[in-house]
N, C-alpha and C. Protein backbone atom coordinates (compact mmCIF):
# COMPACT_ATOMS: atom_id res chain seq x y z
N MET A 1 -3.04 -11.24 3.41
CA MET A 1 -3.53 -10.25 4.34
C MET A 1 -2.38 -9.81 5.25
N ILE A 2 -2.26 -8.54 5.44
CA ILE A 2 -1.22 -8.01 6.33
C ILE A 2 -1.59 -8.40 7.76
N ALA A 3 -0.68 -9.11 8.42
CA ALA A 3 -0.98 -9.67 9.73
C ALA A 3 -0.97 -8.61 10.83
N HIS A 4 -0.03 -7.70 10.80
CA HIS A 4 0.11 -6.71 11.87
C HIS A 4 -0.41 -5.36 11.35
N LEU A 5 -1.62 -5.02 11.76
CA LEU A 5 -2.29 -3.81 11.29
C LEU A 5 -2.80 -3.04 12.51
N ASP A 6 -2.19 -1.87 12.77
CA ASP A 6 -2.60 -1.03 13.90
C ASP A 6 -3.49 0.09 13.39
N ILE A 7 -4.70 0.17 13.91
CA ILE A 7 -5.63 1.22 13.51
C ILE A 7 -5.90 2.08 14.73
N SER A 8 -5.67 3.38 14.59
CA SER A 8 -5.91 4.30 15.70
C SER A 8 -6.67 5.51 15.18
N GLY A 9 -7.47 6.08 16.06
CA GLY A 9 -8.23 7.26 15.72
C GLY A 9 -7.80 8.45 16.56
N VAL A 10 -7.60 9.59 15.91
CA VAL A 10 -7.24 10.82 16.59
C VAL A 10 -8.43 11.75 16.48
N LYS A 11 -9.09 12.01 17.60
CA LYS A 11 -10.32 12.80 17.63
C LYS A 11 -11.39 12.18 16.75
N TYR A 12 -11.36 10.84 16.63
CA TYR A 12 -12.31 10.14 15.78
C TYR A 12 -12.57 8.77 16.40
N ASP A 13 -13.84 8.45 16.60
CA ASP A 13 -14.22 7.14 17.12
C ASP A 13 -14.37 6.16 15.97
N ILE A 14 -13.64 5.07 16.03
CA ILE A 14 -13.66 4.08 14.96
C ILE A 14 -14.75 3.06 15.27
N ASP A 15 -15.76 2.99 14.41
CA ASP A 15 -16.81 2.00 14.60
C ASP A 15 -16.44 0.71 13.87
N GLY A 16 -17.27 -0.31 14.03
CA GLY A 16 -16.98 -1.61 13.45
C GLY A 16 -16.95 -1.61 11.94
N THR A 17 -17.84 -0.83 11.33
CA THR A 17 -17.89 -0.77 9.87
C THR A 17 -16.61 -0.17 9.29
N THR A 18 -16.16 0.92 9.89
CA THR A 18 -14.94 1.57 9.42
C THR A 18 -13.74 0.67 9.63
N ARG A 19 -13.68 -0.01 10.77
CA ARG A 19 -12.57 -0.91 11.06
C ARG A 19 -12.50 -2.06 10.05
N ARG A 20 -13.64 -2.67 9.75
CA ARG A 20 -13.68 -3.75 8.77
C ARG A 20 -13.28 -3.25 7.38
N TYR A 21 -13.72 -2.05 7.03
CA TYR A 21 -13.40 -1.48 5.73
C TYR A 21 -11.90 -1.24 5.59
N VAL A 22 -11.29 -0.69 6.64
CA VAL A 22 -9.85 -0.41 6.61
C VAL A 22 -9.06 -1.72 6.57
N VAL A 23 -9.47 -2.70 7.35
CA VAL A 23 -8.77 -3.99 7.36
C VAL A 23 -8.89 -4.65 5.99
N GLY A 24 -10.04 -4.55 5.36
CA GLY A 24 -10.22 -5.14 4.03
C GLY A 24 -9.39 -4.45 2.96
N LYS A 25 -9.38 -3.13 2.98
CA LYS A 25 -8.66 -2.37 1.94
C LYS A 25 -7.15 -2.39 2.15
N ILE A 26 -6.70 -2.01 3.33
CA ILE A 26 -5.27 -1.90 3.60
C ILE A 26 -4.66 -3.29 3.81
N GLY A 27 -5.40 -4.20 4.41
CA GLY A 27 -4.90 -5.54 4.66
C GLY A 27 -4.64 -6.33 3.40
N SER A 28 -5.36 -6.02 2.33
CA SER A 28 -5.19 -6.78 1.09
C SER A 28 -4.09 -6.23 0.20
N LEU A 29 -3.34 -5.26 0.66
CA LEU A 29 -2.25 -4.69 -0.15
C LEU A 29 -1.03 -5.59 -0.21
N ASP A 30 -1.02 -6.67 0.55
CA ASP A 30 0.15 -7.55 0.54
C ASP A 30 0.34 -8.24 -0.81
N ARG A 31 -0.68 -8.29 -1.65
CA ARG A 31 -0.52 -8.92 -2.95
C ARG A 31 0.39 -8.11 -3.88
N TYR A 32 0.63 -6.86 -3.55
CA TYR A 32 1.51 -6.02 -4.35
C TYR A 32 2.94 -6.00 -3.82
N LEU A 33 3.19 -6.75 -2.76
CA LEU A 33 4.53 -6.82 -2.16
C LEU A 33 5.30 -8.00 -2.71
N PRO A 34 6.63 -7.92 -2.71
CA PRO A 34 7.43 -9.11 -3.04
C PRO A 34 7.22 -10.18 -1.97
N ARG A 35 7.45 -11.41 -2.33
CA ARG A 35 7.17 -12.51 -1.40
C ARG A 35 8.02 -12.44 -0.13
N HIS A 36 9.25 -11.97 -0.26
CA HIS A 36 10.11 -11.91 0.93
C HIS A 36 9.63 -10.87 1.94
N ALA A 37 8.85 -9.90 1.50
CA ALA A 37 8.42 -8.82 2.38
C ALA A 37 7.06 -9.07 3.01
N ARG A 38 6.33 -10.06 2.55
CA ARG A 38 4.96 -10.28 3.02
C ARG A 38 4.88 -10.67 4.49
N LYS A 39 5.86 -11.40 4.97
CA LYS A 39 5.82 -11.87 6.35
C LYS A 39 6.20 -10.78 7.35
N SER A 40 7.04 -9.84 6.93
CA SER A 40 7.56 -8.86 7.88
C SER A 40 6.92 -7.48 7.75
N VAL A 41 5.92 -7.32 6.90
CA VAL A 41 5.32 -6.00 6.72
C VAL A 41 4.38 -5.69 7.89
N THR A 42 4.42 -4.43 8.33
CA THR A 42 3.49 -3.94 9.34
C THR A 42 2.87 -2.65 8.83
N ALA A 43 1.66 -2.38 9.27
CA ALA A 43 0.95 -1.19 8.81
C ALA A 43 0.41 -0.41 10.01
N GLU A 44 0.57 0.90 9.96
CA GLU A 44 0.00 1.81 10.96
C GLU A 44 -1.00 2.70 10.24
N VAL A 45 -2.24 2.66 10.69
CA VAL A 45 -3.30 3.47 10.09
C VAL A 45 -3.77 4.47 11.13
N LYS A 46 -3.74 5.75 10.76
CA LYS A 46 -4.21 6.81 11.65
C LYS A 46 -5.37 7.52 10.98
N LEU A 47 -6.51 7.47 11.62
CA LEU A 47 -7.71 8.14 11.12
C LEU A 47 -7.95 9.36 11.99
N LYS A 48 -8.03 10.53 11.35
CA LYS A 48 -8.14 11.78 12.10
C LYS A 48 -9.35 12.56 11.64
N GLU A 49 -9.92 13.29 12.57
CA GLU A 49 -10.96 14.25 12.23
C GLU A 49 -10.34 15.63 12.39
N VAL A 50 -10.30 16.38 11.29
CA VAL A 50 -9.66 17.70 11.29
C VAL A 50 -10.65 18.73 10.75
N ASN A 51 -10.45 19.96 11.14
CA ASN A 51 -11.25 21.06 10.61
C ASN A 51 -10.31 21.98 9.86
N ARG A 52 -10.48 22.00 8.57
CA ARG A 52 -9.64 22.84 7.73
C ARG A 52 -10.49 23.90 7.06
N SER A 53 -9.86 24.93 6.57
CA SER A 53 -10.58 26.02 5.93
C SER A 53 -11.20 25.61 4.59
N ASN A 54 -10.62 24.58 3.94
CA ASN A 54 -11.16 24.15 2.65
C ASN A 54 -12.27 23.12 2.78
N GLY A 55 -12.68 22.78 3.97
CA GLY A 55 -13.83 21.91 4.18
C GLY A 55 -13.52 20.44 4.35
N ASN A 56 -12.27 20.01 4.21
CA ASN A 56 -11.93 18.60 4.42
C ASN A 56 -12.01 18.29 5.90
N LYS A 57 -12.77 17.26 6.23
CA LYS A 57 -12.99 16.97 7.63
C LYS A 57 -12.26 15.73 8.13
N TYR A 58 -11.97 14.79 7.25
CA TYR A 58 -11.39 13.52 7.67
C TYR A 58 -10.08 13.28 6.95
N GLU A 59 -9.13 12.72 7.69
CA GLU A 59 -7.81 12.48 7.14
C GLU A 59 -7.39 11.05 7.46
N CYS A 60 -6.80 10.39 6.49
CA CYS A 60 -6.31 9.03 6.65
C CYS A 60 -4.82 9.02 6.31
N GLU A 61 -4.04 8.45 7.20
CA GLU A 61 -2.59 8.34 7.00
C GLU A 61 -2.18 6.90 7.26
N VAL A 62 -1.46 6.32 6.30
CA VAL A 62 -1.02 4.93 6.43
C VAL A 62 0.47 4.87 6.22
N ILE A 63 1.14 4.19 7.14
CA ILE A 63 2.58 3.96 7.04
C ILE A 63 2.80 2.45 6.97
N LEU A 64 3.38 1.99 5.86
CA LEU A 64 3.73 0.58 5.71
C LEU A 64 5.22 0.43 5.95
N HIS A 65 5.57 -0.41 6.90
CA HIS A 65 6.97 -0.69 7.19
C HIS A 65 7.35 -1.99 6.49
N VAL A 66 8.11 -1.86 5.40
CA VAL A 66 8.59 -3.01 4.66
C VAL A 66 10.09 -3.09 4.89
N PRO A 67 10.73 -4.20 4.55
CA PRO A 67 12.17 -4.32 4.78
C PRO A 67 12.96 -3.19 4.12
N GLU A 68 13.77 -2.52 4.91
CA GLU A 68 14.66 -1.44 4.49
C GLU A 68 13.94 -0.22 3.94
N HIS A 69 12.66 -0.06 4.26
CA HIS A 69 11.91 1.04 3.67
C HIS A 69 10.63 1.29 4.49
N ALA A 70 10.14 2.51 4.42
CA ALA A 70 8.83 2.85 4.98
C ALA A 70 8.05 3.60 3.91
N ILE A 71 6.84 3.17 3.65
CA ILE A 71 6.02 3.77 2.60
C ILE A 71 4.88 4.52 3.27
N LEU A 72 4.72 5.79 2.91
CA LEU A 72 3.73 6.66 3.54
C LEU A 72 2.75 7.18 2.50
N ALA A 73 1.47 7.18 2.87
CA ALA A 73 0.44 7.80 2.03
C ALA A 73 -0.54 8.50 2.96
N LYS A 74 -1.01 9.68 2.52
CA LYS A 74 -1.86 10.51 3.37
C LYS A 74 -2.82 11.28 2.48
N ASP A 75 -4.08 11.38 2.91
CA ASP A 75 -5.05 12.17 2.16
C ASP A 75 -6.19 12.57 3.09
N SER A 76 -6.84 13.68 2.73
CA SER A 76 -7.99 14.14 3.51
C SER A 76 -9.13 14.48 2.57
N THR A 77 -10.34 14.07 2.96
CA THR A 77 -11.54 14.32 2.17
C THR A 77 -12.71 14.59 3.11
N VAL A 78 -13.88 14.71 2.51
CA VAL A 78 -15.09 14.96 3.28
C VAL A 78 -15.61 13.68 3.93
N ASN A 79 -15.27 12.52 3.37
CA ASN A 79 -15.75 11.23 3.85
C ASN A 79 -14.55 10.36 4.24
N MET A 80 -14.64 9.68 5.38
CA MET A 80 -13.52 8.86 5.85
C MET A 80 -13.27 7.68 4.93
N LEU A 81 -14.32 7.03 4.44
CA LEU A 81 -14.14 5.86 3.59
C LEU A 81 -13.53 6.24 2.25
N ALA A 82 -13.87 7.43 1.75
CA ALA A 82 -13.26 7.90 0.51
C ALA A 82 -11.77 8.18 0.72
N ALA A 83 -11.41 8.69 1.87
CA ALA A 83 -9.99 8.93 2.17
C ALA A 83 -9.22 7.62 2.20
N VAL A 84 -9.83 6.56 2.74
CA VAL A 84 -9.18 5.25 2.78
C VAL A 84 -8.99 4.73 1.35
N ASP A 85 -9.99 4.92 0.49
CA ASP A 85 -9.88 4.47 -0.90
C ASP A 85 -8.74 5.18 -1.63
N ILE A 86 -8.63 6.49 -1.45
CA ILE A 86 -7.59 7.26 -2.13
C ILE A 86 -6.21 6.85 -1.64
N VAL A 87 -6.08 6.66 -0.33
CA VAL A 87 -4.80 6.23 0.24
C VAL A 87 -4.44 4.84 -0.26
N GLU A 88 -5.42 3.98 -0.41
CA GLU A 88 -5.15 2.64 -0.92
C GLU A 88 -4.58 2.70 -2.34
N GLU A 89 -5.15 3.53 -3.19
CA GLU A 89 -4.64 3.68 -4.56
C GLU A 89 -3.21 4.23 -4.57
N LYS A 90 -2.95 5.20 -3.71
CA LYS A 90 -1.59 5.75 -3.62
C LYS A 90 -0.60 4.67 -3.18
N LEU A 91 -0.99 3.87 -2.21
CA LEU A 91 -0.11 2.80 -1.72
C LEU A 91 0.10 1.73 -2.78
N LYS A 92 -0.92 1.41 -3.56
CA LYS A 92 -0.76 0.42 -4.63
C LYS A 92 0.33 0.86 -5.60
N ASN A 93 0.28 2.12 -6.01
CA ASN A 93 1.28 2.61 -6.95
C ASN A 93 2.67 2.59 -6.35
N GLN A 94 2.79 2.98 -5.09
CA GLN A 94 4.10 2.99 -4.44
C GLN A 94 4.63 1.57 -4.25
N LEU A 95 3.74 0.62 -3.93
CA LEU A 95 4.18 -0.76 -3.74
C LEU A 95 4.59 -1.41 -5.06
N LYS A 96 3.90 -1.08 -6.14
CA LYS A 96 4.30 -1.60 -7.44
C LYS A 96 5.70 -1.10 -7.81
N LYS A 97 5.96 0.16 -7.52
CA LYS A 97 7.29 0.72 -7.78
C LYS A 97 8.34 0.06 -6.89
N TYR A 98 8.01 -0.14 -5.62
CA TYR A 98 8.92 -0.79 -4.68
C TYR A 98 9.25 -2.20 -5.15
N LYS A 99 8.23 -2.93 -5.60
CA LYS A 99 8.43 -4.30 -6.04
C LYS A 99 9.29 -4.36 -7.30
N SER A 100 9.05 -3.45 -8.24
CA SER A 100 9.84 -3.48 -9.47
C SER A 100 11.31 -3.10 -9.21
N GLU A 101 11.56 -2.27 -8.21
CA GLU A 101 12.94 -1.92 -7.87
C GLU A 101 13.66 -3.05 -7.15
N ARG A 102 12.95 -3.80 -6.33
CA ARG A 102 13.57 -4.82 -5.50
C ARG A 102 13.76 -6.15 -6.20
N ILE A 103 12.90 -6.49 -7.13
CA ILE A 103 12.94 -7.80 -7.77
C ILE A 103 13.72 -7.71 -9.07
N THR A 104 14.68 -8.61 -9.22
CA THR A 104 15.43 -8.66 -10.48
C THR A 104 14.60 -9.43 -11.50
N GLN A 105 14.62 -8.97 -12.71
CA GLN A 105 13.87 -9.62 -13.78
C GLN A 105 14.69 -10.79 -14.32
N ARG A 106 14.10 -11.96 -14.32
CA ARG A 106 14.79 -13.14 -14.81
C ARG A 106 13.99 -13.75 -15.94
N GLY A 107 14.61 -14.62 -16.67
CA GLY A 107 13.90 -15.34 -17.71
C GLY A 107 14.09 -14.68 -19.06
N ALA A 108 13.00 -14.41 -19.75
CA ALA A 108 13.05 -13.95 -21.14
C ALA A 108 13.54 -12.52 -21.28
N HIS A 109 13.78 -11.85 -20.19
CA HIS A 109 14.21 -10.46 -20.26
C HIS A 109 15.72 -10.30 -20.38
N GLY A 110 16.48 -11.37 -20.19
CA GLY A 110 17.93 -11.28 -20.20
C GLY A 110 18.50 -11.23 -21.60
N VAL A 111 19.72 -10.77 -21.71
CA VAL A 111 20.39 -10.64 -23.00
C VAL A 111 20.70 -12.01 -23.59
N LEU A 112 21.15 -12.92 -22.74
CA LEU A 112 21.50 -14.25 -23.26
C LEU A 112 20.28 -14.99 -23.77
N SER A 113 19.16 -14.84 -23.09
CA SER A 113 17.97 -15.53 -23.56
C SER A 113 17.49 -14.97 -24.89
N ARG A 114 17.64 -13.66 -25.10
CA ARG A 114 17.30 -13.06 -26.40
C ARG A 114 18.21 -13.61 -27.49
N LEU A 115 19.49 -13.75 -27.17
CA LEU A 115 20.44 -14.28 -28.12
C LEU A 115 20.10 -15.73 -28.48
N LYS A 116 19.76 -16.51 -27.47
CA LYS A 116 19.39 -17.91 -27.71
C LYS A 116 18.14 -17.99 -28.59
N ARG A 117 17.17 -17.13 -28.33
CA ARG A 117 15.94 -17.15 -29.13
C ARG A 117 16.22 -16.76 -30.57
N SER A 118 17.13 -15.82 -30.78
CA SER A 118 17.43 -15.41 -32.16
C SER A 118 18.10 -16.54 -32.94
N PHE A 119 18.93 -17.36 -32.26
CA PHE A 119 19.56 -18.49 -32.93
C PHE A 119 18.56 -19.60 -33.19
N GLN A 120 17.58 -19.75 -32.33
CA GLN A 120 16.57 -20.80 -32.52
C GLN A 120 15.69 -20.49 -33.72
N ARG A 121 15.45 -19.22 -33.99
CA ARG A 121 14.59 -18.84 -35.11
C ARG A 121 15.25 -19.11 -36.46
N SER A 122 16.56 -18.98 -36.51
CA SER A 122 17.24 -19.14 -37.81
C SER A 122 17.74 -20.55 -38.04
């Protein structure tokens, strides 16, 4: 669970249900982070009520501060909880990419280990 999670509302009153939902969804994203980043990650969640010409009324913006990087996801929909769900999916994909870039692959993926396995077979 992400320990430092700031939730703020802009022209939107955050009730207990919405707060618990955001903490559950955004707080559980730490499983997609590398282990070294789990302790130092912070999240800023901004929930806004906007009036746009296309009918979207609610906007959710999340900024995750990870070591040497900041990950941003933003979306607006008719329902606040749906906006949180969409932002969560966007963040999952970005965190998976961040993790694959930061972590070196060890073990069976190396050239020497492939060479060793080929000699063991013959």
